[in-house]
Amino acid sequence: MDLTLTKVKTPFFYTWKIPESQIQRLQNNSFNGFIFSEQFYVLNLSNVKYFFEFYPNGRNENRGKSEIYFYLDPGKDRQIEARFKVFIDSGGGGDNNNSIKCNHVFESFERINCRKMKHLFNSEKKLIVNGFLVIKVEGTLKVKKDALENRIFDNGNLWEQNNGSKNFTIVVGGKEIQKWSLNSQCQVHKNILASESIAFANFFDSLTPDSPCSNVVEITGYPHHIVETAIKFCYFRNFVVPLTFEDAILLLQFFDEYKIELLKKQFEEFLITQISVTTVTRLGQCAIKCHAKQLQERCDAFYYSNR
């Protein structure tokens, strides 16, 4: 059967805080010393991963200029177009407005030089603030996907709304879920959570007009960014956020606990692709805790085939 392809454009952002102490250790390094970020995965684009490298003193022919490199692996038989800007967040001064725009089509695993800086170690430029160099990346990733695959529940437009239609607040450690694009407080929609989560649906059904705190709930046991990411995935699947291996495990646990079955299945399938000699024990434990039968079976099979 011929498949119709459609272009999917998804938001892409990352904040990398590099301690000044790490940079200072490499300041007088005569070799190509560098600092690398964690490796991140793009969940809704299977097998896509990326990471960054930062050379405080540059490398090879660019010695003397600090450089930032972006690596992306688009996976097999896929092209991904990355459009983004890179800038230094110095808290309102310095280099905030001096962003560099990048546009590149990745057809295989490769790297691009996305930023050069001359004045990193110049204290007058104030690029390092409160002991950190903060590098920010904002943009989009665009990929061709099967149109049938892309016909998925997507209410990203509702997440962006701020017209009073949101009627429920989630609090994590005293912080309300934030609207990431504007960094302002916002609520969520009960009907969105209820449609995705059996646990939330049952909770809403149990409420009465006299119930205390009927429009707010506090979630414990998870970091703020995990809960925020989980809720965003409930709104729109084409959401790109930097996910580490441990983030994916925590999100699977969250989706299992709150009975968000479609997303649990999606994350379980993703973690199956991450089974290796170094991860099989961790993933096997996670599978048991999260009642992820398919993941557990794949871990068992991998373990016994590699004994």
C-alpha atoms as a PDB file:
ATOM      1  CA  MET A   1       0.000   0.000   0.000  1.00  0.00           C
ATOM      2  CA  ASP A   2       1.346   3.423  -0.922  1.00  0.00           C
ATOM      3  CA  LEU A   3       1.619   5.778   1.989  1.00  0.00           C
ATOM      4  CA  THR A   4       0.980   9.493   1.745  1.00  0.00           C
ATOM      5  CA  LEU A   5       3.721  11.510   3.417  1.00  0.00           C
ATOM      6  CA  THR A   6       3.128  14.722   5.303  1.00  0.00           C
ATOM      7  CA  LYS A   7       5.605  17.157   6.822  1.00  0.00           C
ATOM      8  CA  VAL A   8       5.476  17.297  10.600  1.00  0.00           C
ATOM      9  CA  LYS A   9       6.997  20.349  12.295  1.00  0.00           C
ATOM     10  CA  THR A  10       7.617  20.105  16.010  1.00  0.00           C
ATOM     11  CA  PRO A  11       9.032  22.571  18.557  1.00  0.00           C
ATOM     12  CA  PHE A  12      12.610  21.995  19.667  1.00  0.00           C
ATOM     13  CA  PHE A  13      14.257  23.674  22.640  1.00  0.00           C
ATOM     14  CA  TYR A  14      17.036  23.063  25.142  1.00  0.00           C
ATOM     15  CA  THR A  15      18.712  24.942  27.994  1.00  0.00           C
ATOM     16  CA  TRP A  16      22.261  23.860  28.836  1.00  0.00           C
ATOM     17  CA  LYS A  17      23.793  25.201  32.062  1.00  0.00           C
ATOM     18  CA  ILE A  18      27.550  24.622  32.112  1.00  0.00           C
ATOM     19  CA  PRO A  19      29.326  25.252  35.448  1.00  0.00           C
ATOM     20  CA  GLU A  20      32.101  27.839  35.262  1.00  0.00           C
ATOM     21  CA  SER A  21      34.411  25.399  37.049  1.00  0.00           C
ATOM     22  CA  GLN A  22      34.192  22.979  34.107  1.00  0.00           C
ATOM     23  CA  ILE A  23      35.044  25.735  31.659  1.00  0.00           C
ATOM     24  CA  GLN A  24      37.983  26.981  33.733  1.00  0.00           C
ATOM     25  CA  ARG A  25      39.551  23.514  33.789  1.00  0.00           C
ATOM     26  CA  LEU A  26      39.771  23.685  29.981  1.00  0.00           C
ATOM     27  CA  GLN A  27      40.613  27.376  29.651  1.00  0.00           C
ATOM     28  CA  ASN A  28      44.352  26.839  29.153  1.00  0.00           C
ATOM     29  CA  ASN A  29      44.075  23.455  27.499  1.00  0.00           C
ATOM     30  CA  SER A  30      46.325  23.309  24.446  1.00  0.00           C
ATOM     31  CA  PHE A  31      44.338  20.406  22.983  1.00  0.00           C
ATOM     32  CA  ASN A  32      40.764  20.241  21.701  1.00  0.00           C
ATOM     33  CA  GLY A  33      39.231  19.975  25.140  1.00  0.00           C
ATOM     34  CA  PHE A  34      35.447  19.959  25.172  1.00  0.00           C
ATOM     35  CA  ILE A  35      32.344  19.482  27.344  1.00  0.00           C
ATOM     36  CA  PHE A  36      29.451  17.389  26.060  1.00  0.00           C
ATOM     37  CA  SER A  37      25.803  17.424  27.005  1.00  0.00           C
ATOM     38  CA  GLU A  38      23.714  14.402  27.799  1.00  0.00           C
ATOM     39  CA  GLN A  39      22.363  12.467  24.836  1.00  0.00           C
ATOM     40  CA  PHE A  40      18.695  13.174  24.213  1.00  0.00           C
ATOM     41  CA  TYR A  41      15.984  11.260  22.401  1.00  0.00           C
ATOM     42  CA  VAL A  42      13.041  12.478  20.334  1.00  0.00           C
ATOM     43  CA  LEU A  43      10.288  10.155  21.455  1.00  0.00           C
ATOM     44  CA  ASN A  44       7.798  10.746  18.657  1.00  0.00           C
ATOM     45  CA  LEU A  45      10.533  10.199  16.048  1.00  0.00           C
ATOM     46  CA  SER A  46      11.879   6.758  16.870  1.00  0.00           C
ATOM     47  CA  ASN A  47      15.645   6.293  16.742  1.00  0.00           C
ATOM     48  CA  VAL A  48      16.302  10.038  16.529  1.00  0.00           C
ATOM     49  CA  LYS A  49      18.865  11.276  19.032  1.00  0.00           C
ATOM     50  CA  TYR A  50      21.005  14.360  19.465  1.00  0.00           C
ATOM     51  CA  PHE A  51      23.544  16.016  21.747  1.00  0.00           C
ATOM     52  CA  PHE A  52      25.820  19.064  21.959  1.00  0.00           C
ATOM     53  CA  GLU A  53      29.562  19.657  22.404  1.00  0.00           C
ATOM     54  CA  PHE A  54      31.117  22.861  23.701  1.00  0.00           C
ATOM     55  CA  TYR A  55      34.765  23.741  23.029  1.00  0.00           C
ATOM     56  CA  PRO A  56      35.739  26.653  25.327  1.00  0.00           C
ATOM     57  CA  ASN A  57      38.939  27.255  23.313  1.00  0.00           C
ATOM     58  CA  GLY A  58      37.681  26.133  19.925  1.00  0.00           C
ATOM     59  CA  ARG A  59      39.111  23.250  17.933  1.00  0.00           C
ATOM     60  CA  ASN A  60      41.659  22.849  15.155  1.00  0.00           C
ATOM     61  CA  GLU A  61      41.609  25.879  12.819  1.00  0.00           C
ATOM     62  CA  ASN A  62      39.210  27.785  15.101  1.00  0.00           C
ATOM     63  CA  ARG A  63      41.479  27.835  18.139  1.00  0.00           C
ATOM     64  CA  GLY A  64      40.853  30.898  20.291  1.00  0.00           C
ATOM     65  CA  LYS A  65      37.116  31.022  19.573  1.00  0.00           C
ATOM     66  CA  SER A  66      34.642  29.145  21.765  1.00  0.00           C
ATOM     67  CA  GLU A  67      32.477  26.817  19.675  1.00  0.00           C
ATOM     68  CA  ILE A  68      29.216  24.905  20.060  1.00  0.00           C
ATOM     69  CA  TYR A  69      28.550  21.824  17.936  1.00  0.00           C
ATOM     70  CA  PHE A  70      25.194  20.146  17.410  1.00  0.00           C
ATOM     71  CA  TYR A  71      25.028  16.435  16.571  1.00  0.00           C
ATOM     72  CA  LEU A  72      21.877  14.742  15.283  1.00  0.00           C
ATOM     73  CA  ASP A  73      21.207  11.184  14.152  1.00  0.00           C
ATOM     74  CA  PRO A  74      17.984  11.129  12.071  1.00  0.00           C
ATOM     75  CA  GLY A  75      17.774   7.351  12.045  1.00  0.00           C
ATOM     76  CA  LYS A  76      17.566   5.099   9.020  1.00  0.00           C
ATOM     77  CA  ASP A  77      16.146   6.341   5.710  1.00  0.00           C
ATOM     78  CA  ARG A  78      14.953   9.666   7.087  1.00  0.00           C
ATOM     79  CA  GLN A  79      15.697  13.341   6.574  1.00  0.00           C
ATOM     80  CA  ILE A  80      15.220  15.860   9.344  1.00  0.00           C
ATOM     81  CA  GLU A  81      15.390  19.585   8.801  1.00  0.00           C
ATOM     82  CA  ALA A  82      16.530  21.496  11.879  1.00  0.00           C
ATOM     83  CA  ARG A  83      15.863  25.238  12.103  1.00  0.00           C
ATOM     84  CA  PHE A  84      16.927  26.835  15.356  1.00  0.00           C
ATOM     85  CA  LYS A  85      18.748  29.711  17.002  1.00  0.00           C
ATOM     86  CA  VAL A  86      21.510  29.473  19.606  1.00  0.00           C
ATOM     87  CA  PHE A  87      22.184  32.224  22.114  1.00  0.00           C
ATOM     88  CA  ILE A  88      23.766  32.856  25.488  1.00  0.00           C
ATOM     89  CA  ASP A  89      21.292  33.727  28.240  1.00  0.00           C
ATOM     90  CA  SER A  90      23.125  36.158  30.485  1.00  0.00           C
ATOM     91  CA  GLY A  91      20.123  37.294  32.480  1.00  0.00           C
ATOM     92  CA  GLY A  92      19.164  40.375  30.536  1.00  0.00           C
ATOM     93  CA  GLY A  93      22.616  41.603  29.527  1.00  0.00           C
ATOM     94  CA  GLY A  94      25.585  40.625  27.468  1.00  0.00           C
ATOM     95  CA  ASP A  95      24.803  38.364  24.530  1.00  0.00           C
ATOM     96  CA  ASN A  96      21.043  37.779  24.766  1.00  0.00           C
ATOM     97  CA  ASN A  97      20.166  39.516  21.513  1.00  0.00           C
ATOM     98  CA  ASN A  98      23.135  38.186  19.564  1.00  0.00           C
ATOM     99  CA  SER A  99      21.611  34.881  18.521  1.00  0.00           C
ATOM    100  CA  ILE A 100      22.919  32.709  15.702  1.00  0.00           C
ATOM    101  CA  LYS A 101      20.391  31.055  13.381  1.00  0.00           C
ATOM    102  CA  CYS A 102      21.038  27.584  12.015  1.00  0.00           C
ATOM    103  CA  ASN A 103      19.302  25.670   9.242  1.00  0.00           C
ATOM    104  CA  HIS A 104      20.477  22.217   8.235  1.00  0.00           C
ATOM    105  CA  VAL A 105      19.018  19.047   6.734  1.00  0.00           C
ATOM    106  CA  PHE A 106      20.355  15.901   8.416  1.00  0.00           C
ATOM    107  CA  GLU A 107      20.362  12.812   6.185  1.00  0.00           C
ATOM    108  CA  SER A 108      22.731  10.794   8.365  1.00  0.00           C
ATOM    109  CA  PHE A 109      24.513  11.129  11.683  1.00  0.00           C
ATOM    110  CA  GLU A 110      26.562  14.318  11.475  1.00  0.00           C
ATOM    111  CA  ARG A 111      27.485  17.481  13.307  1.00  0.00           C
ATOM    112  CA  ILE A 112      27.283  21.168  12.528  1.00  0.00           C
ATOM    113  CA  ASN A 113      29.096  24.121  14.058  1.00  0.00           C
ATOM    114  CA  CYS A 114      26.226  26.257  15.307  1.00  0.00           C
ATOM    115  CA  ARG A 115      27.960  28.948  17.350  1.00  0.00           C
ATOM    116  CA  LYS A 116      31.337  30.702  17.703  1.00  0.00           C
ATOM    117  CA  MET A 117      32.211  33.182  20.433  1.00  0.00           C
ATOM    118  CA  LYS A 118      35.293  35.380  20.814  1.00  0.00           C
ATOM    119  CA  HIS A 119      34.763  36.852  24.255  1.00  0.00           C
ATOM    120  CA  LEU A 120      33.796  33.980  26.543  1.00  0.00           C
ATOM    121  CA  PHE A 121      36.562  34.741  29.065  1.00  0.00           C
ATOM    122  CA  ASN A 122      36.096  38.520  28.946  1.00  0.00           C
ATOM    123  CA  SER A 123      34.470  39.453  32.266  1.00  0.00           C
ATOM    124  CA  GLU A 124      33.132  42.696  30.784  1.00  0.00           C
ATOM    125  CA  LYS A 125      30.897  40.743  28.392  1.00  0.00           C
ATOM    126  CA  LYS A 126      29.155  39.041  31.345  1.00  0.00           C
ATOM    127  CA  LEU A 127      28.486  35.810  29.489  1.00  0.00           C
ATOM    128  CA  ILE A 128      29.035  33.719  32.627  1.00  0.00           C
ATOM    129  CA  VAL A 129      26.510  34.661  35.323  1.00  0.00           C
ATOM    130  CA  ASN A 130      26.213  33.264  38.854  1.00  0.00           C
ATOM    131  CA  GLY A 131      28.779  30.584  38.094  1.00  0.00           C
ATOM    132  CA  PHE A 132      27.142  29.243  34.922  1.00  0.00           C
ATOM    133  CA  LEU A 133      27.283  29.681  31.181  1.00  0.00           C
ATOM    134  CA  VAL A 134      23.680  29.217  30.003  1.00  0.00           C
ATOM    135  CA  ILE A 135      23.318  28.173  26.367  1.00  0.00           C
ATOM    136  CA  LYS A 136      19.790  28.186  24.951  1.00  0.00           C
ATOM    137  CA  VAL A 137      18.485  26.577  21.782  1.00  0.00           C
ATOM    138  CA  GLU A 138      15.039  27.315  20.335  1.00  0.00           C
ATOM    139  CA  GLY A 139      13.595  26.191  17.021  1.00  0.00           C
ATOM    140  CA  THR A 140      11.824  23.413  15.162  1.00  0.00           C
ATOM    141  CA  LEU A 141      12.495  19.985  13.703  1.00  0.00           C
ATOM    142  CA  LYS A 142      10.692  19.044  10.497  1.00  0.00           C
ATOM    143  CA  VAL A 143      10.344  15.513   9.151  1.00  0.00           C
ATOM    144  CA  LYS A 144       8.232  13.665   6.619  1.00  0.00           C
ATOM    145  CA  LYS A 145       5.985  11.051   8.206  1.00  0.00           C
ATOM    146  CA  ASP A 146       3.218   8.757   7.076  1.00  0.00           C
ATOM    147  CA  ALA A 147      -0.033  10.749   7.058  1.00  0.00           C
ATOM    148  CA  LEU A 148      -1.880   7.891   8.751  1.00  0.00           C
ATOM    149  CA  GLU A 149       0.777   7.750  11.462  1.00  0.00           C
ATOM    150  CA  ASN A 150       0.380  11.471  11.980  1.00  0.00           C
ATOM    151  CA  ARG A 151      -3.403  11.323  12.500  1.00  0.00           C
ATOM    152  CA  ILE A 152      -3.168  11.337  16.258  1.00  0.00           C
ATOM    153  CA  PHE A 153      -4.850  13.067  19.150  1.00  0.00           C
ATOM    154  CA  ASP A 154      -3.438  16.576  19.142  1.00  0.00           C
ATOM    155  CA  ASN A 155      -4.735  19.473  21.228  1.00  0.00           C
ATOM    156  CA  GLY A 156      -1.642  21.631  21.268  1.00  0.00           C
ATOM    157  CA  ASN A 157      -3.796  24.615  20.310  1.00  0.00           C
ATOM    158  CA  LEU A 158      -5.751  24.189  23.554  1.00  0.00           C
ATOM    159  CA  TRP A 159      -2.529  24.212  25.584  1.00  0.00           C
ATOM    160  CA  GLU A 160      -1.654  27.563  24.040  1.00  0.00           C
ATOM    161  CA  GLN A 161      -5.034  29.110  24.864  1.00  0.00           C
ATOM    162  CA  ASN A 162      -5.383  31.499  27.746  1.00  0.00           C
ATOM    163  CA  ASN A 163      -9.059  32.421  27.435  1.00  0.00           C
ATOM    164  CA  GLY A 164     -10.393  31.175  30.753  1.00  0.00           C
ATOM    165  CA  SER A 165     -11.430  27.752  29.464  1.00  0.00           C
ATOM    166  CA  LYS A 166      -8.899  25.930  31.646  1.00  0.00           C
ATOM    167  CA  ASN A 167     -10.519  24.712  34.829  1.00  0.00           C
ATOM    168  CA  PHE A 168      -7.958  22.663  36.741  1.00  0.00           C
ATOM    169  CA  THR A 169      -4.537  23.270  38.281  1.00  0.00           C
ATOM    170  CA  ILE A 170      -1.794  20.732  38.879  1.00  0.00           C
ATOM    171  CA  VAL A 171       0.768  21.589  41.546  1.00  0.00           C
ATOM    172  CA  VAL A 172       4.138  19.852  41.964  1.00  0.00           C
ATOM    173  CA  GLY A 173       6.210  20.790  44.984  1.00  0.00           C
ATOM    174  CA  GLY A 174       4.262  24.014  45.349  1.00  0.00           C
ATOM    175  CA  LYS A 175       4.783  25.017  41.697  1.00  0.00           C
ATOM    176  CA  GLU A 176       1.948  25.252  39.219  1.00  0.00           C
ATOM    177  CA  ILE A 177       2.480  23.687  35.815  1.00  0.00           C
ATOM    178  CA  GLN A 178       4.038  26.386  33.649  1.00  0.00           C
ATOM    179  CA  LYS A 179       3.212  27.309  30.071  1.00  0.00           C
ATOM    180  CA  TRP A 180       6.619  26.690  28.559  1.00  0.00           C
ATOM    181  CA  SER A 181       6.396  29.046  25.587  1.00  0.00           C
ATOM    182  CA  LEU A 182       5.573  32.125  27.652  1.00  0.00           C
ATOM    183  CA  ASN A 183       6.903  30.963  30.998  1.00  0.00           C
ATOM    184  CA  SER A 184       3.682  32.068  32.716  1.00  0.00           C
ATOM    185  CA  GLN A 185       1.364  30.217  35.055  1.00  0.00           C
ATOM    186  CA  CYS A 186      -1.613  28.473  33.539  1.00  0.00           C
ATOM    187  CA  GLN A 187      -4.202  25.813  34.220  1.00  0.00           C
ATOM    188  CA  VAL A 188      -5.164  22.708  32.295  1.00  0.00           C
ATOM    189  CA  HIS A 189      -8.440  21.275  30.971  1.00  0.00           C
ATOM    190  CA  LYS A 190     -10.205  18.568  32.954  1.00  0.00           C
ATOM    191  CA  ASN A 191     -11.637  17.040  29.792  1.00  0.00           C
ATOM    192  CA  ILE A 192      -8.159  16.638  28.242  1.00  0.00           C
ATOM    193  CA  LEU A 193      -6.781  14.864  31.312  1.00  0.00           C
ATOM    194  CA  ALA A 194      -9.916  12.738  31.694  1.00  0.00           C
ATOM    195  CA  SER A 195      -9.753  11.639  28.048  1.00  0.00           C
ATOM    196  CA  GLU A 196      -6.168  10.485  28.472  1.00  0.00           C
ATOM    197  CA  SER A 197      -6.070   9.244  32.073  1.00  0.00           C
ATOM    198  CA  ILE A 198      -8.436   6.777  33.714  1.00  0.00           C
ATOM    199  CA  ALA A 199      -7.095   7.858  37.106  1.00  0.00           C
ATOM    200  CA  PHE A 200      -7.902  11.530  36.501  1.00  0.00           C
ATOM    201  CA  ALA A 201     -11.296  10.648  35.008  1.00  0.00           C
ATOM    202  CA  ASN A 202     -12.218   8.663  38.122  1.00  0.00           C
ATOM    203  CA  PHE A 203     -10.945  11.479  40.335  1.00  0.00           C
ATOM    204  CA  PHE A 204     -13.083  14.071  38.555  1.00  0.00           C
ATOM    205  CA  ASP A 205     -16.152  11.812  38.721  1.00  0.00           C
ATOM    206  CA  SER A 206     -15.728  11.514  42.496  1.00  0.00           C
ATOM    207  CA  LEU A 207     -15.794  15.261  43.056  1.00  0.00           C
ATOM    208  CA  THR A 208     -18.843  17.123  44.297  1.00  0.00           C
ATOM    209  CA  PRO A 209     -19.476  20.879  44.391  1.00  0.00           C
ATOM    210  CA  ASP A 210     -18.651  20.754  48.094  1.00  0.00           C
ATOM    211  CA  SER A 211     -15.355  18.895  47.633  1.00  0.00           C
ATOM    212  CA  PRO A 212     -12.384  20.826  49.055  1.00  0.00           C
ATOM    213  CA  CYS A 213      -9.824  21.815  46.417  1.00  0.00           C
ATOM    214  CA  SER A 214     -12.022  20.480  43.622  1.00  0.00           C
ATOM    215  CA  ASN A 215     -10.049  22.418  41.010  1.00  0.00           C
ATOM    216  CA  VAL A 216      -6.502  21.706  42.160  1.00  0.00           C
ATOM    217  CA  VAL A 217      -4.432  18.615  42.901  1.00  0.00           C
ATOM    218  CA  GLU A 218      -0.854  18.212  44.131  1.00  0.00           C
ATOM    219  CA  ILE A 219       1.289  15.469  42.616  1.00  0.00           C
ATOM    220  CA  THR A 220       4.178  14.111  44.653  1.00  0.00           C
ATOM    221  CA  GLY A 221       6.955  11.650  43.935  1.00  0.00           C
ATOM    222  CA  TYR A 222       8.037  13.135  40.602  1.00  0.00           C
ATOM    223  CA  PRO A 223      10.239  16.095  39.646  1.00  0.00           C
ATOM    224  CA  HIS A 224       8.421  19.145  38.319  1.00  0.00           C
ATOM    225  CA  HIS A 225       9.807  18.774  34.791  1.00  0.00           C
ATOM    226  CA  ILE A 226       8.582  15.169  34.536  1.00  0.00           C
ATOM    227  CA  VAL A 227       5.005  16.078  35.474  1.00  0.00           C
ATOM    228  CA  GLU A 228       5.056  19.092  33.176  1.00  0.00           C
ATOM    229  CA  THR A 229       6.339  17.004  30.278  1.00  0.00           C
ATOM    230  CA  ALA A 230       3.761  14.283  30.908  1.00  0.00           C
ATOM    231  CA  ILE A 231       0.901  16.790  30.832  1.00  0.00           C
ATOM    232  CA  LYS A 232       2.191  18.354  27.617  1.00  0.00           C
ATOM    233  CA  PHE A 233       2.260  14.939  25.965  1.00  0.00           C
ATOM    234  CA  CYS A 234      -1.407  14.576  26.938  1.00  0.00           C
ATOM    235  CA  TYR A 235      -2.129  17.676  24.878  1.00  0.00           C
ATOM    236  CA  PHE A 236      -0.059  16.987  21.788  1.00  0.00           C
ATOM    237  CA  ARG A 237       2.047  14.053  20.656  1.00  0.00           C
ATOM    238  CA  ASN A 238       4.169  16.068  18.214  1.00  0.00           C
ATOM    239  CA  PHE A 239       6.037  17.621  21.106  1.00  0.00           C
ATOM    240  CA  VAL A 240       9.821  17.580  21.148  1.00  0.00           C
ATOM    241  CA  VAL A 241      11.530  17.906  24.506  1.00  0.00           C
ATOM    242  CA  PRO A 242      15.015  16.789  25.561  1.00  0.00           C
ATOM    243  CA  LEU A 243      14.555  13.382  27.180  1.00  0.00           C
ATOM    244  CA  THR A 244      17.309  11.465  28.907  1.00  0.00           C
ATOM    245  CA  PHE A 245      17.128   7.737  29.506  1.00  0.00           C
ATOM    246  CA  GLU A 246      16.110   8.299  33.142  1.00  0.00           C
ATOM    247  CA  ASP A 247      13.476  10.851  32.083  1.00  0.00           C
ATOM    248  CA  ALA A 248      11.861   8.229  29.850  1.00  0.00           C
ATOM    249  CA  ILE A 249      11.771   5.718  32.712  1.00  0.00           C
ATOM    250  CA  LEU A 250      10.150   8.245  35.079  1.00  0.00           C
ATOM    251  CA  LEU A 251       7.580   9.175  32.444  1.00  0.00           C
ATOM    252  CA  LEU A 252       6.699   5.517  31.954  1.00  0.00           C
ATOM    253  CA  GLN A 253       6.201   5.227  35.722  1.00  0.00           C
ATOM    254  CA  PHE A 254       4.004   8.333  35.724  1.00  0.00           C
ATOM    255  CA  PHE A 255       1.835   7.061  32.864  1.00  0.00           C
ATOM    256  CA  ASP A 256       1.452   3.706  34.596  1.00  0.00           C
ATOM    257  CA  GLU A 257       0.508   5.253  37.951  1.00  0.00           C
ATOM    258  CA  TYR A 258      -2.061   7.609  36.433  1.00  0.00           C
ATOM    259  CA  LYS A 259      -3.301   5.021  33.921  1.00  0.00           C
ATOM    260  CA  ILE A 260      -2.498   7.004  30.796  1.00  0.00           C
ATOM    261  CA  GLU A 261      -2.480   3.910  28.634  1.00  0.00           C
ATOM    262  CA  LEU A 262      -1.724   5.269  25.141  1.00  0.00           C
ATOM    263  CA  LEU A 263       1.314   7.188  26.294  1.00  0.00           C
ATOM    264  CA  LYS A 264       2.431   4.306  28.484  1.00  0.00           C
ATOM    265  CA  LYS A 265       2.394   2.074  25.411  1.00  0.00           C
ATOM    266  CA  GLN A 266       4.320   4.663  23.407  1.00  0.00           C
ATOM    267  CA  PHE A 267       7.045   4.995  26.055  1.00  0.00           C
ATOM    268  CA  GLU A 268       7.207   1.245  26.595  1.00  0.00           C
ATOM    269  CA  GLU A 269       7.833   0.745  22.875  1.00  0.00           C
ATOM    270  CA  PHE A 270      10.516   3.433  22.952  1.00  0.00           C
ATOM    271  CA  LEU A 271      12.324   1.887  25.927  1.00  0.00           C
ATOM    272  CA  ILE A 272      12.322  -1.505  24.202  1.00  0.00           C
ATOM    273  CA  THR A 273      14.549   0.071  21.538  1.00  0.00           C
ATOM    274  CA  GLN A 274      16.986   1.106  24.296  1.00  0.00           C
ATOM    275  CA  ILE A 275      17.648  -2.403  25.642  1.00  0.00           C
ATOM    276  CA  SER A 276      21.372  -3.137  25.732  1.00  0.00           C
ATOM    277  CA  VAL A 277      23.942  -4.848  27.914  1.00  0.00           C
ATOM    278  CA  THR A 278      24.252  -1.704  30.051  1.00  0.00           C
ATOM    279  CA  THR A 279      20.516  -0.971  30.365  1.00  0.00           C
ATOM    280  CA  VAL A 280      18.785  -4.356  30.521  1.00  0.00           C
ATOM    281  CA  THR A 281      18.890  -4.662  34.335  1.00  0.00           C
ATOM    282  CA  ARG A 282      17.555  -1.134  34.887  1.00  0.00           C
ATOM    283  CA  LEU A 283      14.830  -1.607  32.282  1.00  0.00           C
ATOM    284  CA  GLY A 284      13.861  -5.008  33.675  1.00  0.00           C
ATOM    285  CA  GLN A 285      13.334  -3.476  37.114  1.00  0.00           C
ATOM    286  CA  CYS A 286      11.362  -0.637  35.552  1.00  0.00           C
ATOM    287  CA  ALA A 287       9.168  -3.080  33.604  1.00  0.00           C
ATOM    288  CA  ILE A 288       8.197  -4.940  36.784  1.00  0.00           C
ATOM    289  CA  LYS A 289       7.423  -1.727  38.669  1.00  0.00           C
ATOM    290  CA  CYS A 290       5.383  -0.288  35.780  1.00  0.00           C
ATOM    291  CA  HIS A 291       3.540  -3.489  34.851  1.00  0.00           C
ATOM    292  CA  ALA A 292       5.073  -3.197  31.374  1.00  0.00           C
ATOM    293  CA  LYS A 293       4.691  -6.780  30.213  1.00  0.00           C
ATOM    294  CA  GLN A 294       6.108  -6.354  26.720  1.00  0.00           C
ATOM    295  CA  LEU A 295       9.181  -4.517  28.004  1.00  0.00           C
ATOM    296  CA  GLN A 296       9.740  -7.199  30.645  1.00  0.00           C
ATOM    297  CA  GLU A 297       9.480  -9.987  28.076  1.00  0.00           C
ATOM    298  CA  ARG A 298      11.989  -8.265  25.778  1.00  0.00           C
ATOM    299  CA  CYS A 299      14.402  -7.702  28.683  1.00  0.00           C
ATOM    300  CA  ASP A 300      14.132 -11.364  29.701  1.00  0.00           C
ATOM    301  CA  ALA A 301      14.736 -12.506  26.139  1.00  0.00           C
ATOM    302  CA  PHE A 302      17.751 -10.215  25.766  1.00  0.00           C
ATOM    303  CA  TYR A 303      19.188 -11.315  29.098  1.00  0.00           C
ATOM    304  CA  TYR A 304      18.926 -15.044  28.355  1.00  0.00           C
ATOM    305  CA  SER A 305      20.286 -14.666  24.823  1.00  0.00           C
ATOM    306  CA  ASN A 306      23.374 -12.817  26.130  1.00  0.00           C
ATOM    307  CA  ARG A 307      24.244 -14.974  29.136  1.00  0.00           C
END
